[in-house]
């Protein structure tokens, strides 16, 4: 369950990327510690927002019990590396909410007889899992003072609303249970952080986030639901995609307004996730004219916060570099009889081969393993997921490579300054949040 919040690593500064991964791993480990290994499959991007909100509200003199960071042991999904991960009541609340919502999701699949859930043995096993997860999530949530019955009651009301919805009814009647559930979860983060004044604005932000998630899910599944004959809220209420998009964009705007009233110690990651990534989710579902696919980080020499097509231009033409030169201009040619230019940044002569597998001029050749040692290293790195998930040294050549998932991910980063779209007439949106850290495009935040 990936949810609607899917931040690409190329849009986050190094600090925010580390914080994001700390909360993601913290949620996964909290699910394991409180509910067992199988519960780790309920890890999802949207759920960790709960953990992020608790930590972001923690005042200097007040922290939730056991909050902070701890060093987690090696994990295959991190290439058998240790990592600093979030812990405490925020991670436990996020785990309980994620498990309860995963239980609801599985129950929906069983009732709709989706895919393998149409088979009786699978459906019976899934029902047993949902009953166990309901009990587990309720028990762990009560430890941090949250009642998961609000989530389960909302799920039950959802089914009743769908069955009893009058023809031509408002689509917002259908999204109400989801809004109620997310509002309760968001508001409880203020209780854990000792910020009672944040409860009302966070409840509003949560309510709109629930509306947004429900509408985006309906819009994404509309074509597939029509083909399979499944119930879809947009079709059932006669809501066209233009109206659904308008409601989604209104929800994003409302979330931003609500966040302005929330007192936060560290606003950056919360702002990125709830003010910017929600807008990107709308663009991903409904499309945006001229929105370019991600190239940041996928081209040689690209780094987070840089854009290869801009050449770090400062409000200039996108093809002009900082000195007004074209970054695609070929380096000056040299006579093969002359010595090539030396020093860092010197242009590479055109007769020198370049690209993967070639050693840059002046660099020592990488240490290559023989066939037996290379195969052994390849097998070890494959078993520990390093080849898939992590930046690693090639098992034969020793060259630094990105993991397969990173090289082939379909992230929709767009422009490196897209995270600053809500500035301008709404300039207060990004003030002091640090969401544009690492952006070298000269945007005014």
Protein backbone atom coordinates (compact mmCIF):
# COMPACT_ATOMS: atom_id res chain seq x y z
CA UNK A 1 0.00 0.00 0.00
CA UNK A 2 1.95 2.99 -1.24
CA UNK A 3 -0.76 5.60 -0.67
CA UNK A 4 -0.84 9.03 -2.26
CA UNK A 5 2.35 10.41 -0.67
CA UNK A 6 5.30 9.23 -2.74
CA UNK A 7 8.21 11.65 -2.36
CA UNK A 8 11.02 11.03 -4.80
CA UNK A 9 14.46 11.03 -3.21
CA UNK A 10 15.62 13.55 -5.83
CA UNK A 11 13.23 16.18 -4.45
CA UNK A 12 14.41 15.92 -0.84
CA UNK A 13 17.50 17.47 0.67
CA UNK A 14 19.91 15.08 2.35
CA UNK A 15 18.53 15.95 5.80
CA UNK A 16 14.90 15.47 4.78
CA UNK A 17 15.66 12.24 2.95
CA UNK A 18 17.35 10.86 6.08
CA UNK A 19 14.38 11.92 8.21
CA UNK A 20 11.89 10.39 5.77
CA UNK A 21 13.73 7.05 5.77
CA UNK A 22 14.02 7.15 9.58
CA UNK A 23 10.24 7.38 9.90
CA UNK A 24 9.62 4.76 7.21
CA UNK A 25 11.95 2.24 8.86
CA UNK A 26 10.61 3.22 12.29
CA UNK A 27 7.05 2.42 11.19
CA UNK A 28 8.12 -0.93 9.74
CA UNK A 29 9.99 -1.91 12.91
CA UNK A 30 7.17 -0.74 15.18
CA UNK A 31 4.79 -3.00 13.24
CA UNK A 32 7.21 -5.89 13.68
CA UNK A 33 7.82 -5.30 17.39
CA UNK A 34 4.16 -4.78 18.33
CA UNK A 35 2.38 -7.09 15.90
CA UNK A 36 4.78 -9.63 14.37
CA UNK A 37 6.62 -10.06 11.11
CA UNK A 38 3.51 -10.40 8.93
CA UNK A 39 2.29 -6.99 10.08
CA UNK A 40 5.26 -5.36 8.35
CA UNK A 41 3.36 -5.80 5.09
CA UNK A 42 1.07 -2.99 6.35
CA UNK A 43 3.92 -0.48 6.07
CA UNK A 44 2.73 2.39 3.89
CA UNK A 45 3.85 5.89 2.98
CA UNK A 46 0.69 7.65 4.14
CA UNK A 47 0.77 6.04 7.58
CA UNK A 48 4.18 7.37 8.48
CA UNK A 49 2.81 10.93 8.29
CA UNK A 50 1.45 10.23 11.79
CA UNK A 51 4.97 9.60 13.08
CA UNK A 52 6.29 12.67 11.25
CA UNK A 53 3.59 14.89 12.80
CA UNK A 54 4.31 13.74 16.35
CA UNK A 55 8.03 14.41 16.02
CA UNK A 56 7.51 17.75 14.23
CA UNK A 57 5.36 19.04 17.10
CA UNK A 58 7.67 17.93 19.89
CA UNK A 59 8.74 21.00 21.86
CA UNK A 60 12.18 21.36 23.39
CA UNK A 61 10.80 20.74 26.88
CA UNK A 62 8.31 18.03 25.99
CA UNK A 63 8.81 14.85 23.97
CA UNK A 64 6.62 11.82 23.68
CA UNK A 65 7.75 8.90 25.80
CA UNK A 66 10.76 7.18 24.26
CA UNK A 67 10.68 9.48 21.23
CA UNK A 68 13.75 10.23 19.18
CA UNK A 69 16.05 7.95 17.21
CA UNK A 70 17.65 4.59 17.73
CA UNK A 71 20.10 2.59 15.68
CA UNK A 72 18.43 -0.36 13.98
CA UNK A 73 20.31 -3.47 12.98
CA UNK A 74 21.09 -4.57 9.42
CA UNK A 75 18.10 -5.07 7.12
CA UNK A 76 18.04 -6.67 3.64
CA UNK A 77 16.04 -3.75 2.25
CA UNK A 78 18.86 -1.42 3.34
CA UNK A 79 21.54 -3.64 1.87
CA UNK A 80 22.27 -5.17 5.31
CA UNK A 81 23.21 -1.76 6.70
CA UNK A 82 22.32 -0.25 10.05
CA UNK A 83 20.27 2.94 10.15
CA UNK A 84 18.95 5.58 12.52
CA UNK A 85 15.18 5.05 12.80
CA UNK A 86 12.32 6.83 14.56
CA UNK A 87 10.92 5.35 17.74
CA UNK A 88 8.44 6.20 20.47
CA UNK A 89 4.73 6.87 20.70
CA UNK A 90 4.55 8.49 17.27
CA UNK A 91 5.87 5.34 15.56
CA UNK A 92 3.56 3.15 17.66
CA UNK A 93 0.51 5.24 16.80
CA UNK A 94 1.44 5.17 13.11
CA UNK A 95 1.82 1.38 13.32
CA UNK A 96 -1.57 0.92 15.00
CA UNK A 97 -3.35 3.15 12.49
CA UNK A 98 -1.62 1.50 9.52
CA UNK A 99 -2.51 -1.99 10.78
CA UNK A 100 -6.17 -1.07 11.35
CA UNK A 101 -6.47 0.48 7.88
CA UNK A 102 -4.71 -2.51 6.30
CA UNK A 103 -7.24 -4.77 7.99
CA UNK A 104 -10.08 -2.68 6.53
CA UNK A 105 -8.48 -2.83 3.08
CA UNK A 106 -8.15 -6.62 3.17
CA UNK A 107 -11.74 -6.98 4.38
CA UNK A 108 -12.90 -4.87 1.43
CA UNK A 109 -11.00 -7.11 -0.99
CA UNK A 110 -12.60 -10.20 0.55
CA UNK A 111 -16.12 -8.73 0.34
CA UNK A 112 -15.56 -7.63 -3.27
CA UNK A 113 -13.94 -10.98 -4.14
CA UNK A 114 -11.02 -9.23 -5.82
CA UNK A 115 -8.44 -11.44 -7.50
CA UNK A 116 -7.17 -14.26 -5.31
CA UNK A 117 -9.58 -13.22 -2.55
CA UNK A 118 -12.38 -14.79 -4.61
CA UNK A 119 -10.98 -18.20 -3.63
CA UNK A 120 -12.53 -19.56 -0.44
CA UNK A 121 -9.32 -20.77 1.26
CA UNK A 122 -7.64 -17.41 0.64
CA UNK A 123 -10.71 -15.49 1.82
CA UNK A 124 -10.92 -17.56 4.99
CA UNK A 125 -7.26 -16.95 5.78
CA UNK A 126 -7.63 -13.24 5.05
CA UNK A 127 -10.61 -12.96 7.42
CA UNK A 128 -8.56 -14.60 10.17
CA UNK A 129 -5.74 -12.12 9.57
CA UNK A 130 -8.11 -9.13 9.71
CA UNK A 131 -9.63 -10.29 13.00
CA UNK A 132 -6.17 -10.69 14.51
CA UNK A 133 -4.98 -7.32 13.21
CA UNK A 134 -8.11 -5.61 14.57
CA UNK A 135 -7.34 -6.93 18.05
CA UNK A 136 -3.63 -6.15 17.81
CA UNK A 137 -4.10 -2.59 16.55
CA UNK A 138 -6.72 -1.87 19.20
CA UNK A 139 -4.41 -3.08 21.97
CA UNK A 140 -1.33 -1.16 20.84
CA UNK A 141 -3.33 2.01 20.12
CA UNK A 142 -4.83 1.98 23.61
CA UNK A 143 -1.30 2.12 25.03
CA UNK A 144 -0.86 5.55 23.44
CA UNK A 145 -4.40 6.64 24.29
CA UNK A 146 -5.99 6.23 20.85
CA UNK A 147 -9.20 4.34 20.18
CA UNK A 148 -9.10 2.50 16.85
CA UNK A 149 -12.85 1.93 17.01
CA UNK A 150 -13.25 5.28 15.25
CA UNK A 151 -11.41 3.78 12.27
CA UNK A 152 -13.35 0.51 12.29
CA UNK A 153 -16.71 2.28 12.77
CA UNK A 154 -15.90 4.55 9.85
CA UNK A 155 -15.16 1.52 7.69
CA UNK A 156 -18.49 -0.06 8.68
CA UNK A 157 -20.37 3.16 7.90
CA UNK A 158 -18.61 3.33 4.55
CA UNK A 159 -20.25 0.13 3.41
CA UNK A 160 -23.68 1.29 4.59
CA UNK A 161 -23.32 4.62 2.77
CA UNK A 162 -22.34 2.93 -0.45
CA UNK A 163 -25.34 0.60 -0.30
CA UNK A 164 -27.85 3.30 0.66
CA UNK A 165 -26.51 6.22 -1.37
CA UNK A 166 -29.38 7.88 -3.26
CA UNK A 167 -28.99 8.39 -7.00
CA UNK A 168 -27.21 11.67 -7.72
CA UNK A 169 -26.08 12.08 -4.09
CA UNK A 170 -23.03 14.16 -3.28
CA UNK A 171 -19.68 12.42 -3.50
CA UNK A 172 -18.73 14.14 -0.22
CA UNK A 173 -21.29 11.94 1.53
CA UNK A 174 -19.21 8.96 0.46
CA UNK A 175 -15.89 10.45 1.63
CA UNK A 176 -17.20 11.44 5.09
CA UNK A 177 -16.19 8.21 6.94
CA UNK A 178 -12.64 8.43 5.58
CA UNK A 179 -12.47 12.10 6.57
CA UNK A 180 -13.61 11.31 10.11
CA UNK A 181 -11.03 8.54 10.54
CA UNK A 182 -8.05 10.55 9.30
CA UNK A 183 -9.13 13.62 11.28
CA UNK A 184 -9.08 11.58 14.51
CA UNK A 185 -5.63 10.13 13.77
CA UNK A 186 -4.11 13.50 12.87
CA UNK A 187 -5.61 15.22 15.92
CA UNK A 188 -4.25 12.58 18.31
CA UNK A 189 -0.69 13.43 17.28
CA UNK A 190 -1.18 16.78 19.08
CA UNK A 191 -2.17 14.90 22.23
CA UNK A 192 0.99 12.77 22.12
CA UNK A 193 3.19 15.80 21.48
CA UNK A 194 1.61 17.86 24.27
CA UNK A 195 0.24 20.51 21.88
CA UNK A 196 -3.50 20.76 22.64
CA UNK A 197 -3.77 23.94 20.58
CA UNK A 198 -2.90 21.96 17.45
CA UNK A 199 -5.79 19.50 17.73
CA UNK A 200 -8.37 21.57 15.80
CA UNK A 201 -6.16 22.57 12.82
CA UNK A 202 -4.70 19.08 12.57
CA UNK A 203 -8.18 17.56 12.62
CA UNK A 204 -9.09 19.86 9.73
CA UNK A 205 -5.92 18.92 7.83
CA UNK A 206 -6.64 15.24 8.47
CA UNK A 207 -10.23 15.57 7.33
CA UNK A 208 -9.17 17.12 4.03
CA UNK A 209 -6.36 14.60 3.62
CA UNK A 210 -8.90 11.79 3.98
CA UNK A 211 -11.14 13.42 1.38
CA UNK A 212 -8.20 13.80 -0.98
CA UNK A 213 -7.07 10.19 -0.54
CA UNK A 214 -10.58 8.84 -1.15
CA UNK A 215 -11.17 10.94 -4.27
CA UNK A 216 -7.77 10.18 -5.78
CA UNK A 217 -8.25 6.47 -5.17
CA UNK A 218 -11.66 6.65 -6.88
CA UNK A 219 -10.24 8.58 -9.85
CA UNK A 220 -7.32 6.17 -10.26
CA UNK A 221 -9.60 3.11 -10.18
CA UNK A 222 -12.44 4.57 -12.24
CA UNK A 223 -11.50 2.96 -15.54
CA UNK A 224 -10.72 -0.42 -13.97
CA UNK A 225 -13.93 -0.35 -11.92
CA UNK A 226 -15.98 0.43 -15.02
CA UNK A 227 -14.41 -2.52 -16.84
CA UNK A 228 -15.06 -4.93 -13.96
CA UNK A 229 -18.45 -3.54 -12.96
CA UNK A 230 -17.23 -2.60 -9.48
CA UNK A 231 -18.80 0.23 -7.49
CA UNK A 232 -17.01 3.57 -7.87
CA UNK A 233 -18.04 6.73 -5.97
CA UNK A 234 -17.52 9.03 -8.94
CA UNK A 235 -19.71 6.98 -11.25
CA UNK A 236 -22.30 6.30 -8.56
CA UNK A 237 -22.75 9.99 -7.79
CA UNK A 238 -22.38 11.23 -11.37
CA UNK A 239 -19.29 13.27 -10.48
CA UNK A 240 -17.18 14.02 -13.55
CA UNK A 241 -13.39 14.13 -13.41
CA UNK A 242 -13.27 17.93 -13.68
CA UNK A 243 -15.37 18.26 -10.52
CA UNK A 244 -13.31 15.57 -8.77
CA UNK A 245 -10.13 17.44 -9.64
CA UNK A 246 -11.60 20.70 -8.33
CA UNK A 247 -12.48 19.04 -5.02
CA UNK A 248 -8.98 17.57 -4.78
CA UNK A 249 -7.26 20.89 -5.42
CA UNK A 250 -9.56 22.60 -2.90
CA UNK A 251 -8.55 19.95 -0.37
CA UNK A 252 -4.83 20.58 -1.02
CA UNK A 253 -5.37 24.32 -0.54
CA UNK A 254 -7.32 23.69 2.65
CA UNK A 255 -4.54 21.48 4.04
CA UNK A 256 -2.02 24.28 3.45
CA UNK A 257 -4.24 26.80 5.22
CA UNK A 258 -4.74 24.45 8.17
CA UNK A 259 -1.00 23.83 8.49
CA UNK A 260 -0.40 27.56 8.96
CA UNK A 261 -2.27 27.35 12.26
CA UNK A 262 -0.30 24.34 13.50
CA UNK A 263 2.56 25.11 15.88
CA UNK A 264 5.52 23.00 14.79
CA UNK A 265 9.08 22.79 16.03
CA UNK A 266 10.38 21.55 12.66
CA UNK A 267 8.07 22.35 9.76
CA UNK A 268 10.12 21.23 6.75
CA UNK A 269 9.21 17.56 6.28
CA UNK A 270 5.55 18.07 7.26
CA UNK A 271 5.31 20.90 4.75
CA UNK A 272 6.89 18.84 1.98
CA UNK A 273 4.56 15.88 2.55
CA UNK A 274 1.26 17.65 3.15
CA UNK A 275 1.64 20.87 1.16
CA UNK A 276 3.66 19.75 -1.86
CA UNK A 277 3.38 15.98 -2.25
CA UNK A 278 -0.41 16.17 -2.04
CA UNK A 279 -0.41 18.53 -5.02
CA UNK A 280 1.86 16.20 -6.94
CA UNK A 281 -0.53 13.35 -6.18
CA UNK A 282 -3.34 15.34 -7.81
CA UNK A 283 -1.13 16.04 -10.83
CA UNK A 284 -0.16 12.38 -11.05
CA UNK A 285 -3.81 11.28 -11.21
CA UNK A 286 -5.36 14.08 -13.25
CA UNK A 287 -2.29 15.15 -15.22
CA UNK A 288 -0.70 18.54 -15.77
CA UNK A 289 0.11 19.93 -19.24
CA UNK A 290 3.82 20.16 -19.88
CA UNK A 291 4.76 18.28 -16.71
CA UNK A 292 8.09 16.65 -17.50
CA UNK A 293 9.11 13.25 -16.27
CA UNK A 294 11.89 12.92 -13.73
CA UNK A 295 15.42 13.14 -15.00
CA UNK A 296 17.06 14.44 -11.85
CA UNK A 297 19.51 11.88 -10.53
CA UNK A 298 19.04 9.52 -13.48
CA UNK A 299 21.65 11.16 -15.69
CA UNK A 300 25.43 11.09 -15.28
CA UNK A 301 26.61 13.68 -12.81
CA UNK A 302 23.12 14.65 -11.65
CA UNK A 303 22.66 15.18 -7.95
CA UNK A 304 19.66 15.84 -5.70
CA UNK A 305 18.70 19.47 -5.92
CA UNK A 306 20.22 19.95 -9.37
CA UNK A 307 18.56 19.83 -12.77
CA UNK A 308 20.64 18.78 -15.79
CA UNK A 309 18.59 20.83 -18.23
CA UNK A 310 18.89 24.07 -16.27
CA UNK A 311 22.62 24.08 -15.75
CA UNK A 312 21.92 25.80 -12.42
CA UNK A 313 20.66 28.88 -14.24
CA UNK A 314 19.70 31.83 -12.09
CA UNK A 315 16.40 33.02 -13.56
CA UNK A 316 17.91 32.85 -17.04
CA UNK A 317 17.09 30.89 -20.13
CA UNK A 318 16.96 27.18 -19.29
CA UNK A 319 19.73 26.49 -21.80
CA UNK A 320 22.09 29.04 -20.30
CA UNK A 321 24.50 28.17 -17.53
CA UNK A 322 25.62 30.51 -14.74
CA UNK A 323 28.04 32.24 -17.11
CA UNK A 324 25.56 32.50 -19.97
CA UNK A 325 27.12 29.57 -21.86
CA UNK A 326 25.23 26.60 -23.21
CA UNK A 327 25.81 23.59 -20.93
CA UNK A 328 25.42 21.27 -23.94
CA UNK A 329 28.17 23.05 -25.90
CA UNK A 330 30.94 20.61 -26.82
CA UNK A 331 34.28 21.16 -25.09
CA UNK A 332 36.95 22.84 -27.17
CA UNK A 333 38.79 20.40 -29.37
CA UNK A 334 42.50 19.87 -28.94
CA UNK A 335 45.15 18.69 -31.27
CA UNK A 336 45.88 15.00 -30.57
CA UNK A 337 49.52 15.92 -30.55
CA UNK A 338 49.04 18.27 -27.63
CA UNK A 339 48.92 17.23 -24.01
CA UNK A 340 45.35 17.11 -22.73
CA UNK A 341 44.36 19.83 -20.23
CA UNK A 342 44.95 18.90 -16.61
CA UNK A 343 43.21 19.72 -13.35
CA UNK A 344 39.70 19.27 -11.98
CA UNK A 345 36.95 20.38 -14.31
CA UNK A 346 39.21 20.38 -17.37
CA UNK A 347 37.37 19.34 -20.56
CA UNK A 348 37.96 15.77 -21.64
CA UNK A 349 39.41 15.57 -25.16
CA UNK A 350 36.98 14.05 -27.66
CA UNK A 351 39.37 11.23 -28.52
CA UNK A 352 39.29 9.95 -24.90
CA UNK A 353 36.56 7.27 -24.51
CA UNK A 354 33.94 8.09 -21.87
CA UNK A 355 30.95 6.42 -20.26
CA UNK A 356 30.30 3.37 -18.07
CA UNK A 357 33.16 0.92 -18.09
CA UNK A 358 35.83 3.53 -18.97
CA UNK A 359 38.22 4.94 -16.40
CA UNK A 360 38.36 8.77 -16.29
CA UNK A 361 41.75 10.26 -17.25
CA UNK A 362 44.12 10.34 -14.31
CA UNK A 363 41.94 8.06 -12.16
CA UNK A 364 43.37 4.75 -10.98
CA UNK A 365 41.72 1.72 -12.62
CA UNK A 366 39.21 -0.02 -10.34
CA UNK A 367 40.22 -3.26 -8.70
CA UNK A 368 38.53 -6.03 -10.68
CA UNK A 369 37.62 -9.37 -9.13
CA UNK A 370 38.24 -12.63 -10.91
CA UNK A 371 35.28 -14.74 -12.05
CA UNK A 372 35.00 -16.86 -8.89
CA UNK A 373 35.29 -13.93 -6.45
CA UNK A 374 32.97 -11.78 -8.56
CA UNK A 375 30.28 -14.48 -8.67
CA UNK A 376 30.53 -14.95 -4.90
CA UNK A 377 30.21 -11.19 -4.32
CA UNK A 378 27.29 -11.01 -6.77
CA UNK A 379 25.45 -13.82 -4.95
CA UNK A 380 25.99 -12.20 -1.55
CA UNK A 381 24.86 -8.77 -2.75
CA UNK A 382 21.85 -10.29 -4.48
CA UNK A 383 20.74 -12.17 -1.36
CA UNK A 384 21.00 -9.00 0.74
CA UNK A 385 19.10 -6.87 -1.82
CA UNK A 386 22.07 -4.54 -2.37
CA UNK A 387 21.86 -4.99 -6.14
CA UNK A 388 18.18 -4.04 -6.07
CA UNK A 389 17.81 -1.36 -3.45
CA UNK A 390 21.10 0.35 -2.67
CA UNK A 391 23.96 2.22 -4.19
CA UNK A 392 26.77 -0.31 -4.31
CA UNK A 393 30.14 -1.24 -5.77
CA UNK A 394 29.80 -3.45 -8.84
CA UNK A 395 30.72 -7.01 -7.77
CA UNK A 396 33.17 -7.44 -10.67
CA UNK A 397 34.51 -4.00 -11.65
CA UNK A 398 34.21 -2.23 -8.30
CA UNK A 399 32.57 0.78 -9.98
CA UNK A 400 29.98 2.69 -7.96
CA UNK A 401 26.48 1.89 -9.23
CA UNK A 402 22.90 2.68 -8.27
CA UNK A 403 20.55 -0.16 -7.39
CA UNK A 404 18.24 -1.61 -10.03
CA UNK A 405 15.17 -0.04 -8.40
CA UNK A 406 16.78 3.41 -8.38
CA UNK A 407 17.85 3.13 -12.02
CA UNK A 408 14.39 2.05 -13.15
CA UNK A 409 12.07 3.90 -10.79
CA UNK A 410 9.18 5.80 -12.37
CA UNK A 411 9.24 8.79 -10.07
CA UNK A 412 7.56 11.92 -11.36
CA UNK A 413 9.93 14.55 -10.06
CA UNK A 414 9.38 17.18 -12.69
CA UNK A 415 11.34 20.39 -12.27
CA UNK A 416 13.77 20.80 -9.39
CA UNK A 417 11.90 23.89 -8.22
CA UNK A 418 8.43 22.37 -8.42
CA UNK A 419 8.45 22.19 -4.63
CA UNK A 420 8.25 26.00 -4.63
CA UNK A 421 5.06 26.27 -6.68
CA UNK A 422 2.99 27.47 -3.75
CA UNK A 423 5.21 30.51 -3.29
CA UNK A 424 4.56 33.75 -5.16
CA UNK A 425 1.16 35.08 -4.22
CA UNK A 426 1.08 32.62 -1.32
CA UNK A 427 4.62 33.44 -0.29
CA UNK A 428 4.01 32.59 3.38
CA UNK A 429 3.60 28.94 2.40
CA UNK A 430 7.32 28.20 2.22
CA UNK A 431 8.74 30.78 4.64
CA UNK A 432 11.31 29.24 6.96
CA UNK A 433 10.17 25.69 6.26
CA UNK A 434 13.40 24.77 4.47
CA UNK A 435 11.49 22.80 1.84
CA UNK A 436 13.66 24.24 -0.94
CA UNK A 437 16.97 23.23 0.65
CA UNK A 438 19.29 22.05 -2.08
CA UNK A 439 17.35 23.75 -4.86
CA UNK A 440 19.90 25.47 -7.06
CA UNK A 441 17.49 27.04 -9.53
CA UNK A 442 17.36 30.43 -7.87
CA UNK A 443 13.74 30.21 -6.76
CA UNK A 444 12.59 32.83 -4.27
CA UNK A 445 11.12 31.09 -1.25
